[in-house]
Amino acid sequence: MWMSTDADQFGGPKGKKFKYKQFEALLIKNHKKPMEEQKEILEKTIKDWIGDL
């Protein structure tokens, strides 16, 4: 399985990029959870980050 992120995705409170370190920290924080739950967390995090942008 291959995972990647759109590192150029703008959002957040200041309209900045979702950086690799944020993505890595999110993966590490949730790595012991079931894959389906990880997927939901990742999708929600990115959707929340994008917001209205």
Protein backbone atom coordinates (compact mmCIF):
# COMPACT_ATOMS: atom_id res chain seq x y z
CA MET A 1 0.00 0.00 0.00
CA TRP A 2 1.24 3.47 -0.87
CA MET A 3 0.39 6.62 1.07
CA SER A 4 1.14 10.16 0.16
CA THR A 5 -0.12 13.64 0.87
CA ASP A 6 -0.63 16.76 -1.13
CA ALA A 7 2.05 18.74 0.66
CA ASP A 8 0.93 21.87 -1.16
CA GLN A 9 -2.59 21.73 0.25
CA PHE A 10 -3.37 25.14 1.70
CA GLY A 11 -5.60 25.63 4.71
CA GLY A 12 -5.49 25.94 8.45
CA PRO A 13 -6.02 29.10 10.44
CA LYS A 14 -3.50 31.11 8.41
CA GLY A 15 -4.01 29.56 4.95
CA LYS A 16 -0.62 27.85 5.03
CA LYS A 17 0.55 24.54 3.58
CA PHE A 18 -0.09 21.21 5.30
CA LYS A 19 3.55 20.24 5.77
CA TYR A 20 5.22 16.84 5.71
CA LYS A 21 6.08 17.08 9.43
CA GLN A 22 2.40 17.59 10.32
CA PHE A 23 1.48 14.58 8.17
CA GLU A 24 4.22 12.45 9.72
CA ALA A 25 3.15 13.41 13.26
CA LEU A 26 -0.44 12.50 12.43
CA LEU A 27 0.63 9.08 11.14
CA ILE A 28 2.81 8.38 14.16
CA LYS A 29 0.09 9.46 16.58
CA ASN A 30 -2.45 7.09 15.02
CA HIS A 31 -0.31 4.19 13.74
CA LYS A 32 -1.67 1.62 16.21
CA LYS A 33 -5.31 2.23 15.29
CA PRO A 34 -7.08 0.03 12.74
CA MET A 35 -6.47 1.04 9.11
CA GLU A 36 -10.08 2.09 8.52
CA GLU A 37 -9.95 4.40 11.53
CA GLN A 38 -6.61 5.82 10.36
CA LYS A 39 -8.17 6.53 6.97
CA GLU A 40 -11.10 8.35 8.57
CA ILE A 41 -8.76 10.41 10.77
CA LEU A 42 -6.58 11.37 7.80
CA GLU A 43 -9.56 12.32 5.63
CA LYS A 44 -11.14 14.39 8.40
CA THR A 45 -7.86 16.11 9.25
CA ILE A 46 -7.23 17.17 5.65
CA LYS A 47 -10.86 18.22 5.13
CA ASP A 48 -10.77 20.29 8.33
CA TRP A 49 -7.41 21.78 7.31
CA ILE A 50 -8.72 22.86 3.90
CA GLY A 51 -11.82 24.42 5.43
CA ASP A 52 -13.35 26.95 3.03
CA LEU A 53 -10.23 27.39 0.88
